[in-house]
């Protein structure tokens, strides 16, 4: 990340960090498979993997294959003459709640989610689109 900051003369953003994490995950999975690139082997190798990212500790949920990461609540402050997002609270090891609920619901029902999915039931109905022509 320091090399990116030096090359671009600016701090890396979330896209650079996401790229770093993606390459790290692929590299470590390839090491686990001995360089084999079979998709099923790579996915199996990635499940449960954990590492220290520039964004903090992250892991891959072995059940959903989603990232598990800290969520940081921040405020903008001036530090050494530049604006920074300064963390003041952390929610640790956050999973994708929507996907976790969907997996639990699907495994209970053994069907594909539909309009009766619990996540959809909690949302208010969407009104019919009105014509914008007046």
Protein backbone atom coordinates (compact mmCIF):
# COMPACT_ATOMS: atom_id res chain seq x y z
CA UNK A 1 0.00 0.00 0.00
CA UNK A 2 2.92 2.35 0.70
CA UNK A 3 4.21 1.70 -2.84
CA UNK A 4 0.80 2.68 -4.27
CA UNK A 5 0.75 5.82 -2.14
CA UNK A 6 4.23 6.77 -3.36
CA UNK A 7 3.50 5.97 -7.04
CA UNK A 8 0.19 7.83 -7.13
CA UNK A 9 1.13 10.56 -4.68
CA UNK A 10 -2.11 9.90 -2.80
CA UNK A 11 -3.48 7.47 -0.24
CA UNK A 12 -4.89 4.19 -1.63
CA UNK A 13 -8.69 3.96 -1.68
CA UNK A 14 -11.05 1.06 -1.19
CA UNK A 15 -10.54 -0.16 -4.77
CA UNK A 16 -6.78 -0.56 -4.24
CA UNK A 17 -7.36 -2.35 -0.93
CA UNK A 18 -9.93 -4.65 -2.55
CA UNK A 19 -7.45 -5.47 -5.30
CA UNK A 20 -4.74 -6.16 -2.74
CA UNK A 21 -7.05 -8.54 -0.84
CA UNK A 22 -8.19 -10.32 -4.00
CA UNK A 23 -4.64 -10.95 -5.17
CA UNK A 24 -3.59 -12.04 -1.68
CA UNK A 25 -6.48 -14.52 -1.54
CA UNK A 26 -5.68 -15.97 -4.99
CA UNK A 27 -1.95 -16.23 -4.22
CA UNK A 28 -2.49 -18.01 -0.88
CA UNK A 29 -5.09 -20.36 -2.39
CA UNK A 30 -2.67 -21.28 -5.20
CA UNK A 31 -0.01 -22.03 -2.59
CA UNK A 32 -2.47 -24.32 -0.77
CA UNK A 33 -3.32 -26.20 -3.98
CA UNK A 34 0.31 -26.54 -5.01
CA UNK A 35 -0.32 -24.29 -8.02
CA UNK A 36 -3.30 -26.28 -9.30
CA UNK A 37 -5.89 -23.99 -10.85
CA UNK A 38 -8.94 -26.24 -10.69
CA UNK A 39 -11.87 -24.05 -9.59
CA UNK A 40 -13.26 -26.47 -7.01
CA UNK A 41 -9.80 -26.90 -5.44
CA UNK A 42 -9.25 -23.14 -5.27
CA UNK A 43 -12.65 -22.49 -3.70
CA UNK A 44 -12.06 -25.21 -1.12
CA UNK A 45 -8.65 -23.71 -0.33
CA UNK A 46 -10.15 -20.23 0.14
CA UNK A 47 -12.90 -21.31 2.55
CA UNK A 48 -12.02 -20.24 6.08
CA UNK A 49 -8.86 -18.41 5.02
CA UNK A 50 -7.95 -15.44 7.26
CA UNK A 51 -5.31 -12.70 7.01
CA UNK A 52 -4.41 -9.18 8.06
CA UNK A 53 -5.53 -6.81 5.31
CA UNK A 54 -4.72 -3.10 5.08
CA UNK A 55 -8.38 -2.69 6.17
CA UNK A 56 -7.83 -4.88 9.26
CA UNK A 57 -8.44 -8.55 9.96
CA UNK A 58 -10.58 -10.35 7.37
CA UNK A 59 -11.55 -13.92 6.63
CA UNK A 60 -13.64 -15.94 4.20
CA UNK A 61 -16.77 -17.48 5.74
CA UNK A 62 -16.52 -21.20 4.89
CA UNK A 63 -20.31 -21.53 4.62
CA UNK A 64 -21.15 -18.54 2.41
CA UNK A 65 -17.69 -17.81 0.93
CA UNK A 66 -18.30 -14.14 1.75
CA UNK A 67 -15.79 -11.86 3.38
CA UNK A 68 -16.02 -11.35 7.15
CA UNK A 69 -14.53 -8.04 8.18
CA UNK A 70 -14.59 -5.28 10.74
CA UNK A 71 -16.86 -2.33 10.08
CA UNK A 72 -15.37 0.97 11.17
CA UNK A 73 -17.42 4.03 12.13
CA UNK A 74 -15.43 7.12 11.23
CA UNK A 75 -15.47 10.88 11.29
CA UNK A 76 -13.54 13.25 9.09
CA UNK A 77 -10.68 15.07 10.83
CA UNK A 78 -7.75 17.11 9.62
CA UNK A 79 -4.48 15.27 10.34
CA UNK A 80 -1.18 16.97 9.44
CA UNK A 81 -3.06 19.32 7.10
CA UNK A 82 -4.97 16.55 5.25
CA UNK A 83 -8.49 15.20 5.72
CA UNK A 84 -8.68 11.64 7.05
CA UNK A 85 -11.46 9.29 8.06
CA UNK A 86 -10.62 8.68 11.72
CA UNK A 87 -12.12 5.57 13.30
CA UNK A 88 -13.93 5.98 16.59
CA UNK A 89 -15.86 2.70 16.84
CA UNK A 90 -15.38 -0.82 15.46
CA UNK A 91 -17.86 -3.65 14.93
CA UNK A 92 -15.72 -6.78 14.76
CA UNK A 93 -16.12 -9.79 12.45
CA UNK A 94 -19.24 -8.64 10.58
CA UNK A 95 -20.82 -11.15 8.21
CA UNK A 96 -23.28 -10.37 5.42
CA UNK A 97 -26.46 -10.51 7.50
CA UNK A 98 -28.76 -10.71 4.48
CA UNK A 99 -26.97 -13.72 3.07
CA UNK A 100 -26.76 -15.45 6.46
CA UNK A 101 -30.53 -15.08 6.89
CA UNK A 102 -31.19 -16.30 3.36
CA UNK A 103 -29.03 -19.40 3.83
CA UNK A 104 -30.79 -20.23 7.10
CA UNK A 105 -34.19 -19.69 5.51
CA UNK A 106 -33.38 -21.74 2.41
CA UNK A 107 -31.95 -24.61 4.45
CA UNK A 108 -35.12 -24.65 6.59
CA UNK A 109 -37.47 -24.52 3.62
CA UNK A 110 -35.37 -26.41 1.05
CA UNK A 111 -36.77 -24.14 -1.67
CA UNK A 112 -35.57 -21.21 -3.70
CA UNK A 113 -36.29 -17.80 -2.07
CA UNK A 114 -39.41 -16.17 -3.44
CA UNK A 115 -41.67 -13.24 -2.67
CA UNK A 116 -42.48 -14.92 0.65
CA UNK A 117 -38.80 -14.74 1.69
CA UNK A 118 -38.56 -13.31 5.27
CA UNK A 119 -36.26 -10.49 4.17
CA UNK A 120 -38.89 -9.34 1.68
CA UNK A 121 -41.71 -9.62 4.21
CA UNK A 122 -40.08 -7.04 6.48
CA UNK A 123 -39.94 -4.39 3.75
CA UNK A 124 -43.00 -2.25 3.05
CA UNK A 125 -44.76 -2.92 -0.23
CA UNK A 126 -43.49 -0.93 -3.19
CA UNK A 127 -46.24 1.29 -4.64
CA UNK A 128 -47.07 0.96 -8.31
CA UNK A 129 -45.04 3.35 -10.45
CA UNK A 130 -46.87 6.55 -11.20
CA UNK A 131 -46.55 8.26 -14.52
CA UNK A 132 -44.09 11.15 -14.39
CA UNK A 133 -45.84 12.90 -17.28
CA UNK A 134 -48.00 15.73 -15.99
